[in-house]
Amino acid sequence: MRGGSRLGRHLGLLALACAIVGGRPGDEPHLANVRQLTSGGTNAEAYFSADGQWLIFQSTRGGRACDQEYTMRVDGSDVHRVSTGTGKTTCGYFFDHDRRIFFASTHGADTACPPRPDPSKGYVWGLDPYDIYTADRDGSHLRQLTHFGVYTAEGTLSPDGRTIVFTSLKDGDLEIYTMRVDGSHLRRLTFTPGYDGGPVFSPDGRKIVYRAYHPADPSELADYRTLLAQHIVRPSRMEIWVMNADGSDQHQITHLGGANFAPSFTPDGRRIIFSSNYRHPRGPGARNFDLYLVDLDGSHLEQVTTDPEFDGFPQFSPDGTHLVWESGRHAPLGELNVFLADWRP
């Protein structure tokens, strides 16, 4: 795949200049030469360019009250803001052979940061009024792609570069949709009441992995809908699901309990890597998310990271030789940084 050999040479030359921050040998045997690429604030959802040389990510760097989108080289250098600097952004991605980007932003609804959810509701996520925008890779020529005016985010790209899969509240529930990269051919894929989100295509484009919470108990469903009416969701119970790219054959992969999210396929398409706190779903340890691997039939669950802080949002480089993810390791409480490692299958 494109950019593989160049990525390896580039990172090899820069290894001495990067901070080696892995744990004791053997703690995380799939990860070698772990490098911290960011420092300060919350830095999350870093995704590779198709050539493997760049990352796009969201950050509160510089003391910002809410996230903006940035790009940087895979060694952490050459950081540039590519969103407007107003509103709040999330879920950036390269497309059009890395000449353009798309991301979700609230700036069309309000240039200020959206208000935080009421802390009396407990741990909840705000469903802010994002829409999806496209721009040139430097942030110029910004164009609004969706016009739904409600939470529309979590977008990722199909391997052929033609289709965006995303999550939206446009029909009154959190459902997964696809559309062409020009916004045409909108198609809804999920219909079960509850949260369906975080969709990612398989390497061959035939399947989509995603997170889901489908409350079966009437009282739980009523609570979910009450929160949804307030534009918030409680993400403490989610499992990993897979479906075909046309929405057929939707089936549950994990049955772990707790919050399982941010799934992505391994480069061969045979396994799923995801983040979970299922070992400590409640209490002070609930923030201890780790990365796990699992087969497509739910078997052979394997822990990848072991740090006691948050580890999440994993993605493999286009050639499958590196893993990027976000972690709270070696940082003050509340700080999150982008890490990169050589991947050992």
C-alpha atoms as a PDB file:
ATOM      1  CA  MET A   1       0.000   0.000   0.000  1.00  0.00           C
ATOM      2  CA  ARG A   2       1.090   3.568  -0.624  1.00  0.00           C
ATOM      3  CA  GLY A   3       3.620   5.216   1.681  1.00  0.00           C
ATOM      4  CA  GLY A   4       4.695   2.092   3.543  1.00  0.00           C
ATOM      5  CA  SER A   5       8.429   1.995   2.844  1.00  0.00           C
ATOM      6  CA  ARG A   6       8.768   5.777   3.050  1.00  0.00           C
ATOM      7  CA  LEU A   7       7.019   5.807   6.429  1.00  0.00           C
ATOM      8  CA  GLY A   8       9.373   3.184   7.814  1.00  0.00           C
ATOM      9  CA  ARG A   9      12.514   4.983   6.613  1.00  0.00           C
ATOM     10  CA  HIS A  10      11.220   8.342   7.854  1.00  0.00           C
ATOM     11  CA  LEU A  11      10.447   7.051  11.325  1.00  0.00           C
ATOM     12  CA  GLY A  12      13.711   5.142  11.520  1.00  0.00           C
ATOM     13  CA  LEU A  13      15.734   8.269  10.872  1.00  0.00           C
ATOM     14  CA  LEU A  14      13.746  10.173  13.481  1.00  0.00           C
ATOM     15  CA  ALA A  15      13.757   7.544  16.208  1.00  0.00           C
ATOM     16  CA  LEU A  16      16.648   9.102  18.109  1.00  0.00           C
ATOM     17  CA  ALA A  17      14.882  12.457  18.181  1.00  0.00           C
ATOM     18  CA  CYS A  18      11.640  11.053  19.584  1.00  0.00           C
ATOM     19  CA  ALA A  19      10.827  10.344  23.215  1.00  0.00           C
ATOM     20  CA  ILE A  20      10.787   6.619  23.917  1.00  0.00           C
ATOM     21  CA  VAL A  21       8.031   6.229  26.486  1.00  0.00           C
ATOM     22  CA  GLY A  22       7.093   2.539  26.458  1.00  0.00           C
ATOM     23  CA  GLY A  23       6.802   0.524  29.640  1.00  0.00           C
ATOM     24  CA  ARG A  24       8.933  -2.405  30.703  1.00  0.00           C
ATOM     25  CA  PRO A  25       9.871  -4.851  27.909  1.00  0.00           C
ATOM     26  CA  GLY A  26       7.058  -7.352  27.450  1.00  0.00           C
ATOM     27  CA  ASP A  27       4.336  -5.152  28.969  1.00  0.00           C
ATOM     28  CA  GLU A  28       2.912  -4.347  25.532  1.00  0.00           C
ATOM     29  CA  PRO A  29       4.530  -6.869  23.148  1.00  0.00           C
ATOM     30  CA  HIS A  30       2.589  -5.684  20.087  1.00  0.00           C
ATOM     31  CA  LEU A  31       4.078  -2.192  20.466  1.00  0.00           C
ATOM     32  CA  ALA A  32       7.713  -1.250  19.877  1.00  0.00           C
ATOM     33  CA  ASN A  33       9.538   2.074  19.786  1.00  0.00           C
ATOM     34  CA  VAL A  34       6.595   3.972  21.346  1.00  0.00           C
ATOM     35  CA  ARG A  35       6.777   7.707  20.627  1.00  0.00           C
ATOM     36  CA  GLN A  36       4.766  10.593  22.095  1.00  0.00           C
ATOM     37  CA  LEU A  37       3.915  13.081  19.334  1.00  0.00           C
ATOM     38  CA  THR A  38       2.023  15.800  21.238  1.00  0.00           C
ATOM     39  CA  SER A  39       2.192  17.494  24.605  1.00  0.00           C
ATOM     40  CA  GLY A  40      -0.280  19.685  26.458  1.00  0.00           C
ATOM     41  CA  GLY A  41      -4.067  19.811  26.407  1.00  0.00           C
ATOM     42  CA  THR A  42      -6.226  17.041  25.017  1.00  0.00           C
ATOM     43  CA  ASN A  43      -5.117  15.627  21.677  1.00  0.00           C
ATOM     44  CA  ALA A  44      -7.243  12.889  20.178  1.00  0.00           C
ATOM     45  CA  GLU A  45      -8.632  11.040  17.152  1.00  0.00           C
ATOM     46  CA  ALA A  46      -5.445  11.098  15.092  1.00  0.00           C
ATOM     47  CA  TYR A  47      -5.882   9.487  11.666  1.00  0.00           C
ATOM     48  CA  PHE A  48      -3.335   8.796   8.927  1.00  0.00           C
ATOM     49  CA  SER A  49      -3.169  10.333   5.489  1.00  0.00           C
ATOM     50  CA  ALA A  50      -3.293   7.810   2.645  1.00  0.00           C
ATOM     51  CA  ASP A  51       0.442   8.174   2.039  1.00  0.00           C
ATOM     52  CA  GLY A  52       1.187   7.492   5.719  1.00  0.00           C
ATOM     53  CA  GLN A  53       3.213  10.669   6.151  1.00  0.00           C
ATOM     54  CA  TRP A  54       0.707  12.891   7.998  1.00  0.00           C
ATOM     55  CA  LEU A  55      -1.877  12.773  10.766  1.00  0.00           C
ATOM     56  CA  ILE A  56      -4.993  14.868  11.266  1.00  0.00           C
ATOM     57  CA  PHE A  57      -6.180  15.224  14.867  1.00  0.00           C
ATOM     58  CA  GLN A  58      -8.260  17.363  17.214  1.00  0.00           C
ATOM     59  CA  SER A  59      -6.722  19.336  20.049  1.00  0.00           C
ATOM     60  CA  THR A  60      -7.259  21.941  22.752  1.00  0.00           C
ATOM     61  CA  ARG A  61      -3.602  22.968  22.510  1.00  0.00           C
ATOM     62  CA  GLY A  62      -2.766  26.544  23.331  1.00  0.00           C
ATOM     63  CA  GLY A  63      -5.350  26.720  26.103  1.00  0.00           C
ATOM     64  CA  ARG A  64      -8.368  26.464  23.803  1.00  0.00           C
ATOM     65  CA  ALA A  65     -11.697  25.835  25.486  1.00  0.00           C
ATOM     66  CA  CYS A  66     -12.713  23.249  22.889  1.00  0.00           C
ATOM     67  CA  ASP A  67     -11.171  21.193  20.083  1.00  0.00           C
ATOM     68  CA  GLN A  68      -9.923  22.391  16.714  1.00  0.00           C
ATOM     69  CA  GLU A  69      -8.494  20.302  13.863  1.00  0.00           C
ATOM     70  CA  TYR A  70      -4.742  20.142  13.184  1.00  0.00           C
ATOM     71  CA  THR A  71      -2.404  18.293  10.869  1.00  0.00           C
ATOM     72  CA  MET A  72       1.148  17.209  11.647  1.00  0.00           C
ATOM     73  CA  ARG A  73       3.839  14.981  10.238  1.00  0.00           C
ATOM     74  CA  VAL A  74       4.136  11.473  11.685  1.00  0.00           C
ATOM     75  CA  ASP A  75       7.111  12.593  13.787  1.00  0.00           C
ATOM     76  CA  GLY A  76       4.977  15.265  15.495  1.00  0.00           C
ATOM     77  CA  SER A  77       6.486  18.208  13.613  1.00  0.00           C
ATOM     78  CA  ASP A  78       4.990  20.800  11.272  1.00  0.00           C
ATOM     79  CA  VAL A  79       1.725  21.249  13.204  1.00  0.00           C
ATOM     80  CA  HIS A  80      -0.899  23.448  11.524  1.00  0.00           C
ATOM     81  CA  ARG A  81      -4.473  24.308  12.446  1.00  0.00           C
ATOM     82  CA  VAL A  82      -6.778  23.499   9.523  1.00  0.00           C
ATOM     83  CA  SER A  83     -10.208  24.332  11.019  1.00  0.00           C
ATOM     84  CA  THR A  84     -11.674  27.801  11.458  1.00  0.00           C
ATOM     85  CA  GLY A  85     -10.639  28.351  15.083  1.00  0.00           C
ATOM     86  CA  THR A  86     -14.281  28.879  16.056  1.00  0.00           C
ATOM     87  CA  GLY A  87     -16.899  26.509  17.405  1.00  0.00           C
ATOM     88  CA  LYS A  88     -15.845  22.957  18.260  1.00  0.00           C
ATOM     89  CA  THR A  89     -14.539  20.285  15.886  1.00  0.00           C
ATOM     90  CA  THR A  90     -14.108  16.528  15.853  1.00  0.00           C
ATOM     91  CA  CYS A  91     -13.393  13.552  13.594  1.00  0.00           C
ATOM     92  CA  GLY A  92     -11.043  14.847  10.896  1.00  0.00           C
ATOM     93  CA  TYR A  93     -10.031  12.721   7.903  1.00  0.00           C
ATOM     94  CA  PHE A  94      -7.956  13.030   4.727  1.00  0.00           C
ATOM     95  CA  PHE A  95      -9.524  12.253   1.350  1.00  0.00           C
ATOM     96  CA  ASP A  96      -9.121  12.936  -2.382  1.00  0.00           C
ATOM     97  CA  HIS A  97      -5.613  11.454  -2.433  1.00  0.00           C
ATOM     98  CA  ASP A  98      -4.691  13.586   0.614  1.00  0.00           C
ATOM     99  CA  ARG A  99      -5.440  16.812  -1.229  1.00  0.00           C
ATOM    100  CA  ARG A 100      -8.489  17.542   0.931  1.00  0.00           C
ATOM    101  CA  ILE A 101      -9.863  16.912   4.417  1.00  0.00           C
ATOM    102  CA  PHE A 102     -13.265  16.601   6.055  1.00  0.00           C
ATOM    103  CA  PHE A 103     -14.217  17.140   9.680  1.00  0.00           C
ATOM    104  CA  ALA A 104     -17.246  17.927  11.836  1.00  0.00           C
ATOM    105  CA  SER A 105     -17.691  21.390  13.317  1.00  0.00           C
ATOM    106  CA  THR A 106     -20.269  23.357  15.296  1.00  0.00           C
ATOM    107  CA  HIS A 107     -19.125  26.780  14.064  1.00  0.00           C
ATOM    108  CA  GLY A 108     -22.078  27.043  11.662  1.00  0.00           C
ATOM    109  CA  ALA A 109     -24.466  26.960  14.624  1.00  0.00           C
ATOM    110  CA  ASP A 110     -22.390  29.161  16.943  1.00  0.00           C
ATOM    111  CA  THR A 111     -18.804  30.389  16.788  1.00  0.00           C
ATOM    112  CA  ALA A 112     -18.469  29.940  20.579  1.00  0.00           C
ATOM    113  CA  CYS A 113     -17.722  26.603  22.205  1.00  0.00           C
ATOM    114  CA  PRO A 114     -20.906  24.626  22.923  1.00  0.00           C
ATOM    115  CA  PRO A 115     -21.903  24.573  26.615  1.00  0.00           C
ATOM    116  CA  ARG A 116     -20.752  21.573  28.604  1.00  0.00           C
ATOM    117  CA  PRO A 117     -23.407  19.069  29.764  1.00  0.00           C
ATOM    118  CA  ASP A 118     -24.932  19.517  33.211  1.00  0.00           C
ATOM    119  CA  PRO A 119     -22.561  17.717  35.633  1.00  0.00           C
ATOM    120  CA  SER A 120     -25.545  16.552  37.691  1.00  0.00           C
ATOM    121  CA  LYS A 121     -26.320  14.118  34.845  1.00  0.00           C
ATOM    122  CA  GLY A 122     -23.164  12.149  35.630  1.00  0.00           C
ATOM    123  CA  TYR A 123     -20.765  11.040  32.911  1.00  0.00           C
ATOM    124  CA  VAL A 124     -22.451  11.994  29.637  1.00  0.00           C
ATOM    125  CA  TRP A 125     -21.381  13.154  26.171  1.00  0.00           C
ATOM    126  CA  GLY A 126     -22.886  16.282  24.686  1.00  0.00           C
ATOM    127  CA  LEU A 127     -24.478  15.790  21.273  1.00  0.00           C
ATOM    128  CA  ASP A 128     -23.405  19.166  19.947  1.00  0.00           C
ATOM    129  CA  PRO A 129     -24.813  20.560  16.654  1.00  0.00           C
ATOM    130  CA  TYR A 130     -22.020  19.367  14.361  1.00  0.00           C
ATOM    131  CA  ASP A 131     -22.220  19.305  10.602  1.00  0.00           C
ATOM    132  CA  ILE A 132     -19.564  17.878   8.282  1.00  0.00           C
ATOM    133  CA  TYR A 133     -17.323  20.231   6.303  1.00  0.00           C
ATOM    134  CA  THR A 134     -14.699  19.703   3.612  1.00  0.00           C
ATOM    135  CA  ALA A 135     -11.643  21.842   2.888  1.00  0.00           C
ATOM    136  CA  ASP A 136      -8.320  21.765   1.124  1.00  0.00           C
ATOM    137  CA  ARG A 137      -5.712  20.103   3.323  1.00  0.00           C
ATOM    138  CA  ASP A 138      -4.489  23.520   4.528  1.00  0.00           C
ATOM    139  CA  GLY A 139      -8.002  24.461   5.647  1.00  0.00           C
ATOM    140  CA  SER A 140      -8.774  26.770   2.736  1.00  0.00           C
ATOM    141  CA  HIS A 141     -11.851  26.556   0.498  1.00  0.00           C
ATOM    142  CA  LEU A 142     -14.100  25.431   3.354  1.00  0.00           C
ATOM    143  CA  ARG A 143     -17.424  23.954   2.214  1.00  0.00           C
ATOM    144  CA  GLN A 144     -20.349  22.685   4.299  1.00  0.00           C
ATOM    145  CA  LEU A 145     -21.215  19.145   3.221  1.00  0.00           C
ATOM    146  CA  THR A 146     -24.222  18.381   5.465  1.00  0.00           C
ATOM    147  CA  HIS A 147     -26.930  20.802   6.594  1.00  0.00           C
ATOM    148  CA  PHE A 148     -28.761  18.845   9.277  1.00  0.00           C
ATOM    149  CA  GLY A 149     -28.178  21.245  12.192  1.00  0.00           C
ATOM    150  CA  VAL A 150     -27.954  18.403  14.720  1.00  0.00           C
ATOM    151  CA  TYR A 151     -25.196  16.053  15.830  1.00  0.00           C
ATOM    152  CA  THR A 152     -23.567  14.786  12.620  1.00  0.00           C
ATOM    153  CA  ALA A 153     -20.021  13.540  13.126  1.00  0.00           C
ATOM    154  CA  GLU A 154     -17.831  10.440  13.546  1.00  0.00           C
ATOM    155  CA  GLY A 155     -17.067  10.350   9.825  1.00  0.00           C
ATOM    156  CA  THR A 156     -14.484   8.013   8.235  1.00  0.00           C
ATOM    157  CA  LEU A 157     -13.655   7.177   4.618  1.00  0.00           C
ATOM    158  CA  SER A 158     -14.096   4.029   2.529  1.00  0.00           C
ATOM    159  CA  PRO A 159     -10.895   2.445   1.163  1.00  0.00           C
ATOM    160  CA  ASP A 160     -11.769   3.488  -2.398  1.00  0.00           C
ATOM    161  CA  GLY A 161     -12.111   7.115  -1.273  1.00  0.00           C
ATOM    162  CA  ARG A 162     -15.668   7.488  -2.559  1.00  0.00           C
ATOM    163  CA  THR A 163     -17.848   7.140   0.530  1.00  0.00           C
ATOM    164  CA  ILE A 164     -18.049   8.720   3.981  1.00  0.00           C
ATOM    165  CA  VAL A 165     -19.685   6.698   6.755  1.00  0.00           C
ATOM    166  CA  PHE A 166     -20.842   8.730   9.748  1.00  0.00           C
ATOM    167  CA  THR A 167     -23.254   9.068  12.675  1.00  0.00           C
ATOM    168  CA  SER A 168     -26.139  11.524  12.826  1.00  0.00           C
ATOM    169  CA  LEU A 169     -29.126  12.483  14.953  1.00  0.00           C
ATOM    170  CA  LYS A 170     -30.920  13.796  11.843  1.00  0.00           C
ATOM    171  CA  ASP A 171     -33.814  11.311  12.114  1.00  0.00           C
ATOM    172  CA  GLY A 172     -34.203  11.579  15.889  1.00  0.00           C
ATOM    173  CA  ASP A 173     -31.900   8.737  16.934  1.00  0.00           C
ATOM    174  CA  LEU A 174     -28.148   8.137  16.712  1.00  0.00           C
ATOM    175  CA  GLU A 175     -27.874   6.166  13.491  1.00  0.00           C
ATOM    176  CA  ILE A 176     -25.180   5.337  10.933  1.00  0.00           C
ATOM    177  CA  TYR A 177     -25.342   6.706   7.380  1.00  0.00           C
ATOM    178  CA  THR A 178     -23.241   6.711   4.242  1.00  0.00           C
ATOM    179  CA  MET A 179     -22.916   9.363   1.572  1.00  0.00           C
ATOM    180  CA  ARG A 180     -20.618  10.116  -1.333  1.00  0.00           C
ATOM    181  CA  VAL A 181     -17.753  12.505  -0.639  1.00  0.00           C
ATOM    182  CA  ASP A 182     -19.731  15.252  -2.394  1.00  0.00           C
ATOM    183  CA  GLY A 183     -22.692  14.751  -0.010  1.00  0.00           C
ATOM    184  CA  SER A 184     -24.896  12.918  -2.505  1.00  0.00           C
ATOM    185  CA  HIS A 185     -26.477   9.437  -2.262  1.00  0.00           C
ATOM    186  CA  LEU A 186     -27.314   9.673   1.448  1.00  0.00           C
ATOM    187  CA  ARG A 187     -28.280   6.265   2.856  1.00  0.00           C
ATOM    188  CA  ARG A 188     -29.288   5.212   6.367  1.00  0.00           C
ATOM    189  CA  LEU A 189     -27.852   1.852   7.497  1.00  0.00           C
ATOM    190  CA  THR A 190     -29.091   1.309  11.084  1.00  0.00           C
ATOM    191  CA  PHE A 191     -32.618   1.406  12.496  1.00  0.00           C
ATOM    192  CA  THR A 192     -32.537  -0.199  15.966  1.00  0.00           C
ATOM    193  CA  PRO A 193     -33.391   2.238  18.801  1.00  0.00           C
ATOM    194  CA  GLY A 194     -30.217   3.247  20.620  1.00  0.00           C
ATOM    195  CA  TYR A 195     -26.745   4.538  19.851  1.00  0.00           C
ATOM    196  CA  ASP A 196     -25.058   3.276  16.676  1.00  0.00           C
ATOM    197  CA  GLY A 197     -21.824   5.119  16.013  1.00  0.00           C
ATOM    198  CA  GLY A 198     -18.078   5.249  15.432  1.00  0.00           C
ATOM    199  CA  PRO A 199     -18.274   3.413  12.071  1.00  0.00           C
ATOM    200  CA  VAL A 200     -15.126   2.333  10.195  1.00  0.00           C
ATOM    201  CA  PHE A 201     -14.826   0.383   6.937  1.00  0.00           C
ATOM    202  CA  SER A 202     -12.850  -2.846   6.625  1.00  0.00           C
ATOM    203  CA  PRO A 203      -9.720  -2.718   4.431  1.00  0.00           C
ATOM    204  CA  ASP A 204     -11.626  -4.299   1.513  1.00  0.00           C
ATOM    205  CA  GLY A 205     -14.597  -1.938   1.972  1.00  0.00           C
ATOM    206  CA  ARG A 206     -17.082  -4.779   2.378  1.00  0.00           C
ATOM    207  CA  LYS A 207     -17.820  -4.435   6.101  1.00  0.00           C
ATOM    208  CA  ILE A 208     -18.259  -1.719   8.708  1.00  0.00           C
ATOM    209  CA  VAL A 209     -17.350  -2.071  12.376  1.00  0.00           C
ATOM    210  CA  TYR A 210     -19.083   0.194  14.885  1.00  0.00           C
ATOM    211  CA  ARG A 211     -20.115   0.648  18.517  1.00  0.00           C
ATOM    212  CA  ALA A 212     -23.705   0.228  19.657  1.00  0.00           C
ATOM    213  CA  TYR A 213     -25.960   0.484  22.678  1.00  0.00           C
ATOM    214  CA  HIS A 214     -29.452  -0.931  22.087  1.00  0.00           C
ATOM    215  CA  PRO A 215     -31.356  -0.722  25.393  1.00  0.00           C
ATOM    216  CA  ALA A 216     -33.786  -3.642  25.573  1.00  0.00           C
ATOM    217  CA  ASP A 217     -35.320  -2.820  28.947  1.00  0.00           C
ATOM    218  CA  PRO A 218     -38.197  -0.309  28.550  1.00  0.00           C
ATOM    219  CA  SER A 219     -36.953   1.839  31.448  1.00  0.00           C
ATOM    220  CA  GLU A 220     -33.437   1.965  29.986  1.00  0.00           C
ATOM    221  CA  LEU A 221     -34.809   2.905  26.585  1.00  0.00           C
ATOM    222  CA  ALA A 222     -36.923   5.630  28.175  1.00  0.00           C
ATOM    223  CA  ASP A 223     -33.857   6.986  30.009  1.00  0.00           C
ATOM    224  CA  TYR A 224     -31.844   6.938  26.778  1.00  0.00           C
ATOM    225  CA  ARG A 225     -34.570   8.872  24.954  1.00  0.00           C
ATOM    226  CA  THR A 226     -34.935  11.379  27.796  1.00  0.00           C
ATOM    227  CA  LEU A 227     -31.219  12.151  27.609  1.00  0.00           C
ATOM    228  CA  LEU A 228     -31.348  12.247  23.814  1.00  0.00           C
ATOM    229  CA  ALA A 229     -34.052  14.920  23.962  1.00  0.00           C
ATOM    230  CA  GLN A 230     -31.558  16.980  25.983  1.00  0.00           C
ATOM    231  CA  HIS A 231     -28.873  16.330  23.328  1.00  0.00           C
ATOM    232  CA  ILE A 232     -26.756  14.157  25.607  1.00  0.00           C
ATOM    233  CA  VAL A 233     -25.961  10.450  25.769  1.00  0.00           C
ATOM    234  CA  ARG A 234     -24.509   8.257  28.514  1.00  0.00           C
ATOM    235  CA  PRO A 235     -21.776   6.155  26.857  1.00  0.00           C
ATOM    236  CA  SER A 236     -21.106   3.754  29.731  1.00  0.00           C
ATOM    237  CA  ARG A 237     -22.553   0.666  27.998  1.00  0.00           C
ATOM    238  CA  MET A 238     -21.558  -0.058  24.426  1.00  0.00           C
ATOM    239  CA  GLU A 239     -20.483  -3.167  22.538  1.00  0.00           C
ATOM    240  CA  ILE A 240     -18.712  -3.746  19.218  1.00  0.00           C
ATOM    241  CA  TRP A 241     -20.823  -4.684  16.191  1.00  0.00           C
ATOM    242  CA  VAL A 242     -20.135  -5.465  12.530  1.00  0.00           C
ATOM    243  CA  MET A 243     -22.355  -5.175   9.447  1.00  0.00           C
ATOM    244  CA  ASN A 244     -21.968  -5.363   5.710  1.00  0.00           C
ATOM    245  CA  ALA A 245     -21.281  -2.072   3.947  1.00  0.00           C
ATOM    246  CA  ASP A 246     -24.895  -1.951   2.727  1.00  0.00           C
ATOM    247  CA  GLY A 247     -26.229  -2.282   6.303  1.00  0.00           C
ATOM    248  CA  SER A 248     -27.144  -5.971   6.098  1.00  0.00           C
ATOM    249  CA  ASP A 249     -26.097  -8.723   8.527  1.00  0.00           C
ATOM    250  CA  GLN A 250     -25.774  -6.525  11.625  1.00  0.00           C
ATOM    251  CA  HIS A 251     -24.417  -8.627  14.478  1.00  0.00           C
ATOM    252  CA  GLN A 252     -22.776  -8.142  17.852  1.00  0.00           C
ATOM    253  CA  ILE A 253     -19.103  -9.084  18.267  1.00  0.00           C
ATOM    254  CA  THR A 254     -18.327  -8.381  21.943  1.00  0.00           C
ATOM    255  CA  HIS A 255     -20.357  -9.152  25.062  1.00  0.00           C
ATOM    256  CA  LEU A 256     -18.010  -7.639  27.611  1.00  0.00           C
ATOM    257  CA  GLY A 257     -20.061  -5.063  29.475  1.00  0.00           C
ATOM    258  CA  GLY A 258     -18.749  -1.592  30.196  1.00  0.00           C
ATOM    259  CA  ALA A 259     -17.875   0.814  27.383  1.00  0.00           C
ATOM    260  CA  ASN A 260     -16.342  -0.690  24.245  1.00  0.00           C
ATOM    261  CA  PHE A 261     -15.736   1.829  21.474  1.00  0.00           C
ATOM    262  CA  ALA A 262     -13.369   3.271  18.804  1.00  0.00           C
ATOM    263  CA  PRO A 263     -13.164   0.031  16.791  1.00  0.00           C
ATOM    264  CA  SER A 264     -11.056  -0.418  13.680  1.00  0.00           C
ATOM    265  CA  PHE A 265     -10.000  -3.403  11.593  1.00  0.00           C
ATOM    266  CA  THR A 266      -6.501  -4.831  11.588  1.00  0.00           C
ATOM    267  CA  PRO A 267      -4.703  -4.436   8.237  1.00  0.00           C
ATOM    268  CA  ASP A 268      -5.619  -7.966   7.128  1.00  0.00           C
ATOM    269  CA  GLY A 269      -9.304  -7.389   7.987  1.00  0.00           C
ATOM    270  CA  ARG A 270      -9.407 -10.519  10.162  1.00  0.00           C
ATOM    271  CA  ARG A 271      -9.485  -8.892  13.603  1.00  0.00           C
ATOM    272  CA  ILE A 272     -10.777  -5.750  15.302  1.00  0.00           C
ATOM    273  CA  ILE A 273      -8.818  -3.436  17.559  1.00  0.00           C
ATOM    274  CA  PHE A 274     -10.877  -1.342  19.993  1.00  0.00           C
ATOM    275  CA  SER A 275     -10.819   0.444  23.349  1.00  0.00           C
ATOM    276  CA  SER A 276     -12.577  -0.850  26.457  1.00  0.00           C
ATOM    277  CA  ASN A 277     -12.906  -0.333  30.201  1.00  0.00           C
ATOM    278  CA  TYR A 278     -14.764  -3.627  30.705  1.00  0.00           C
ATOM    279  CA  ARG A 279     -12.342  -4.734  33.446  1.00  0.00           C
ATOM    280  CA  HIS A 280     -13.177  -1.609  35.481  1.00  0.00           C
ATOM    281  CA  PRO A 281     -16.521  -0.311  34.198  1.00  0.00           C
ATOM    282  CA  ARG A 282     -17.458   1.597  37.359  1.00  0.00           C
ATOM    283  CA  GLY A 283     -15.859   3.750  40.016  1.00  0.00           C
ATOM    284  CA  PRO A 284     -12.449   5.456  39.926  1.00  0.00           C
ATOM    285  CA  GLY A 285     -11.025   2.844  37.552  1.00  0.00           C
ATOM    286  CA  ALA A 286     -13.647   3.530  34.870  1.00  0.00           C
ATOM    287  CA  ARG A 287     -11.269   5.877  33.028  1.00  0.00           C
ATOM    288  CA  ASN A 288      -8.765   3.022  32.621  1.00  0.00           C
ATOM    289  CA  PHE A 289      -9.455   2.148  29.006  1.00  0.00           C
ATOM    290  CA  ASP A 290      -7.080  -0.219  27.218  1.00  0.00           C
ATOM    291  CA  LEU A 291      -6.756  -1.403  23.637  1.00  0.00           C
ATOM    292  CA  TYR A 292      -7.835  -4.951  22.786  1.00  0.00           C
ATOM    293  CA  LEU A 293      -7.859  -7.249  19.775  1.00  0.00           C
ATOM    294  CA  VAL A 294     -10.674  -9.654  18.996  1.00  0.00           C
ATOM    295  CA  ASP A 295     -11.517 -11.988  16.108  1.00  0.00           C
ATOM    296  CA  LEU A 296     -14.550 -11.224  13.961  1.00  0.00           C
ATOM    297  CA  ASP A 297     -16.509 -13.989  15.690  1.00  0.00           C
ATOM    298  CA  GLY A 298     -15.787 -12.508  19.131  1.00  0.00           C
ATOM    299  CA  SER A 299     -13.143 -15.077  20.073  1.00  0.00           C
ATOM    300  CA  HIS A 300      -9.476 -14.700  21.050  1.00  0.00           C
ATOM    301  CA  LEU A 301      -9.782 -11.467  23.019  1.00  0.00           C
ATOM    302  CA  GLU A 302      -6.275 -10.092  23.579  1.00  0.00           C
ATOM    303  CA  GLN A 303      -5.149  -7.056  25.575  1.00  0.00           C
ATOM    304  CA  VAL A 304      -2.763  -4.715  23.722  1.00  0.00           C
ATOM    305  CA  THR A 305      -2.066  -1.863  26.173  1.00  0.00           C
ATOM    306  CA  THR A 306      -1.574  -2.115  29.917  1.00  0.00           C
ATOM    307  CA  ASP A 307      -1.100   1.460  31.138  1.00  0.00           C
ATOM    308  CA  PRO A 308      -3.493   2.390  33.994  1.00  0.00           C
ATOM    309  CA  GLU A 309      -4.629   5.553  32.179  1.00  0.00           C
ATOM    310  CA  PHE A 310      -6.805   5.990  29.089  1.00  0.00           C
ATOM    311  CA  ASP A 311      -5.806   4.363  25.790  1.00  0.00           C
ATOM    312  CA  GLY A 312      -8.146   4.741  22.822  1.00  0.00           C
ATOM    313  CA  PHE A 313      -8.825   5.729  19.197  1.00  0.00           C
ATOM    314  CA  PRO A 314      -6.422   3.254  17.525  1.00  0.00           C
ATOM    315  CA  GLN A 315      -5.705   3.271  13.798  1.00  0.00           C
ATOM    316  CA  PHE A 316      -3.120   1.379  11.746  1.00  0.00           C
ATOM    317  CA  SER A 317      -0.903   3.085   9.204  1.00  0.00           C
ATOM    318  CA  PRO A 318      -1.820   2.393   5.571  1.00  0.00           C
ATOM    319  CA  ASP A 319       0.935  -0.231   5.282  1.00  0.00           C
ATOM    320  CA  GLY A 320       0.018  -1.829   8.630  1.00  0.00           C
ATOM    321  CA  THR A 321       3.463  -1.377  10.192  1.00  0.00           C
ATOM    322  CA  HIS A 322       2.529   1.319  12.745  1.00  0.00           C
ATOM    323  CA  LEU A 323      -0.266   2.055  15.187  1.00  0.00           C
ATOM    324  CA  VAL A 324      -1.395   5.521  16.252  1.00  0.00           C
ATOM    325  CA  TRP A 325      -3.586   6.008  19.306  1.00  0.00           C
ATOM    326  CA  GLU A 326      -4.270   8.434  22.145  1.00  0.00           C
ATOM    327  CA  SER A 327      -3.235   7.922  25.747  1.00  0.00           C
ATOM    328  CA  GLY A 328      -3.143   9.629  29.123  1.00  0.00           C
ATOM    329  CA  ARG A 329       0.107   7.865  30.047  1.00  0.00           C
ATOM    330  CA  HIS A 330       2.949   9.975  31.458  1.00  0.00           C
ATOM    331  CA  ALA A 331       0.706  13.070  31.613  1.00  0.00           C
ATOM    332  CA  PRO A 332      -1.218  15.069  34.215  1.00  0.00           C
ATOM    333  CA  LEU A 333      -4.804  13.990  34.826  1.00  0.00           C
ATOM    334  CA  GLY A 334      -7.019  15.267  32.040  1.00  0.00           C
ATOM    335  CA  GLU A 335      -4.249  15.546  29.459  1.00  0.00           C
ATOM    336  CA  LEU A 336      -4.383  13.261  26.428  1.00  0.00           C
ATOM    337  CA  ASN A 337      -1.660  12.852  23.809  1.00  0.00           C
ATOM    338  CA  VAL A 338      -1.076  11.186  20.461  1.00  0.00           C
ATOM    339  CA  PHE A 339       1.293   8.203  20.464  1.00  0.00           C
ATOM    340  CA  LEU A 340       2.831   6.225  17.627  1.00  0.00           C
ATOM    341  CA  ALA A 341       4.435   2.777  17.776  1.00  0.00           C
ATOM    342  CA  ASP A 342       5.868   0.137  15.501  1.00  0.00           C
ATOM    343  CA  TRP A 343       3.291  -2.669  15.278  1.00  0.00           C
ATOM    344  CA  ARG A 344       4.324  -6.250  15.970  1.00  0.00           C
ATOM    345  CA  PRO A 345       1.534  -8.621  14.855  1.00  0.00           C
END
